[in-house]
Amino acid sequence: MLELGQIQGKQYRLPIYTFQWAWGGNKRMLEEAGIDWKRIQAEGYVALPG
């Protein structure tokens, strides 16, 4: 994980936290669970729930 703070092998910062930039899912399973994945795709995950 330290590599996240490196440029060309030199340490410039310490990664305090990381982000998840992408989400993946099975459309059929999401639909069966009643999750509106199209809304999440359009508005972001903050569209959950309600």
C-alpha atoms as a PDB file:
ATOM      1  CA  MET A   1       0.000   0.000   0.000  1.00  0.00           C
ATOM      2  CA  LEU A   2       2.961   2.344   0.472  1.00  0.00           C
ATOM      3  CA  GLU A   3       3.407   2.279  -3.302  1.00  0.00           C
ATOM      4  CA  LEU A   4       0.333   4.526  -3.558  1.00  0.00           C
ATOM      5  CA  GLY A   5       2.467   7.379  -2.225  1.00  0.00           C
ATOM      6  CA  GLN A   6       5.451   6.783  -4.496  1.00  0.00           C
ATOM      7  CA  ILE A   7       6.574   8.358  -7.752  1.00  0.00           C
ATOM      8  CA  GLN A   8       9.320   6.514  -9.619  1.00  0.00           C
ATOM      9  CA  GLY A   9      10.208   4.560  -6.484  1.00  0.00           C
ATOM     10  CA  LYS A  10      10.552   7.578  -4.146  1.00  0.00           C
ATOM     11  CA  GLN A  11       8.155   7.963  -1.247  1.00  0.00           C
ATOM     12  CA  TYR A  12       6.479  11.394  -1.338  1.00  0.00           C
ATOM     13  CA  ARG A  13       3.546  10.798   0.970  1.00  0.00           C
ATOM     14  CA  LEU A  14       1.940   8.205   3.195  1.00  0.00           C
ATOM     15  CA  PRO A  15      -1.414   6.952   1.994  1.00  0.00           C
ATOM     16  CA  ILE A  16      -3.795   7.613   4.876  1.00  0.00           C
ATOM     17  CA  TYR A  17      -6.840   6.151   3.186  1.00  0.00           C
ATOM     18  CA  THR A  18      -7.876   4.866  -0.221  1.00  0.00           C
ATOM     19  CA  PHE A  19     -10.996   5.285  -2.311  1.00  0.00           C
ATOM     20  CA  GLN A  20     -13.046   2.808  -4.235  1.00  0.00           C
ATOM     21  CA  TRP A  21     -13.345   4.402  -7.649  1.00  0.00           C
ATOM     22  CA  ALA A  22     -15.490   1.757  -9.318  1.00  0.00           C
ATOM     23  CA  TRP A  23     -18.288  -0.557  -8.325  1.00  0.00           C
ATOM     24  CA  GLY A  24     -19.228  -3.785 -10.019  1.00  0.00           C
ATOM     25  CA  GLY A  25     -22.346  -5.846  -9.773  1.00  0.00           C
ATOM     26  CA  ASN A  26     -24.533  -8.483 -11.345  1.00  0.00           C
ATOM     27  CA  LYS A  27     -27.526  -6.723 -12.939  1.00  0.00           C
ATOM     28  CA  ARG A  28     -29.847  -9.699 -12.554  1.00  0.00           C
ATOM     29  CA  MET A  29     -29.000 -10.176  -8.887  1.00  0.00           C
ATOM     30  CA  LEU A  30     -29.356  -6.455  -8.155  1.00  0.00           C
ATOM     31  CA  GLU A  31     -32.763  -6.376  -9.872  1.00  0.00           C
ATOM     32  CA  GLU A  32     -33.912  -9.485  -7.978  1.00  0.00           C
ATOM     33  CA  ALA A  33     -32.900  -7.746  -4.734  1.00  0.00           C
ATOM     34  CA  GLY A  34     -35.002  -4.727  -5.729  1.00  0.00           C
ATOM     35  CA  ILE A  35     -32.018  -2.422  -6.196  1.00  0.00           C
ATOM     36  CA  ASP A  36     -32.438   0.279  -8.849  1.00  0.00           C
ATOM     37  CA  TRP A  37     -28.960   0.002 -10.384  1.00  0.00           C
ATOM     38  CA  LYS A  38     -29.850   2.385 -13.217  1.00  0.00           C
ATOM     39  CA  ARG A  39     -30.622   5.120 -10.680  1.00  0.00           C
ATOM     40  CA  ILE A  40     -27.380   4.392  -8.831  1.00  0.00           C
ATOM     41  CA  GLN A  41     -25.482   4.539 -12.110  1.00  0.00           C
ATOM     42  CA  ALA A  42     -27.042   7.927 -12.915  1.00  0.00           C
ATOM     43  CA  GLU A  43     -26.979   9.530  -9.445  1.00  0.00           C
ATOM     44  CA  GLY A  44     -24.246   7.636  -7.617  1.00  0.00           C
ATOM     45  CA  TYR A  45     -24.433   5.266  -4.676  1.00  0.00           C
ATOM     46  CA  VAL A  46     -25.891   8.005  -2.460  1.00  0.00           C
ATOM     47  CA  ALA A  47     -29.178   7.192  -4.220  1.00  0.00           C
ATOM     48  CA  LEU A  48     -29.470   4.159  -1.893  1.00  0.00           C
ATOM     49  CA  PRO A  49     -31.957   3.562  -0.266  1.00  0.00           C
ATOM     50  CA  GLY A  50     -35.156   5.457  -0.865  1.00  0.00           C
END
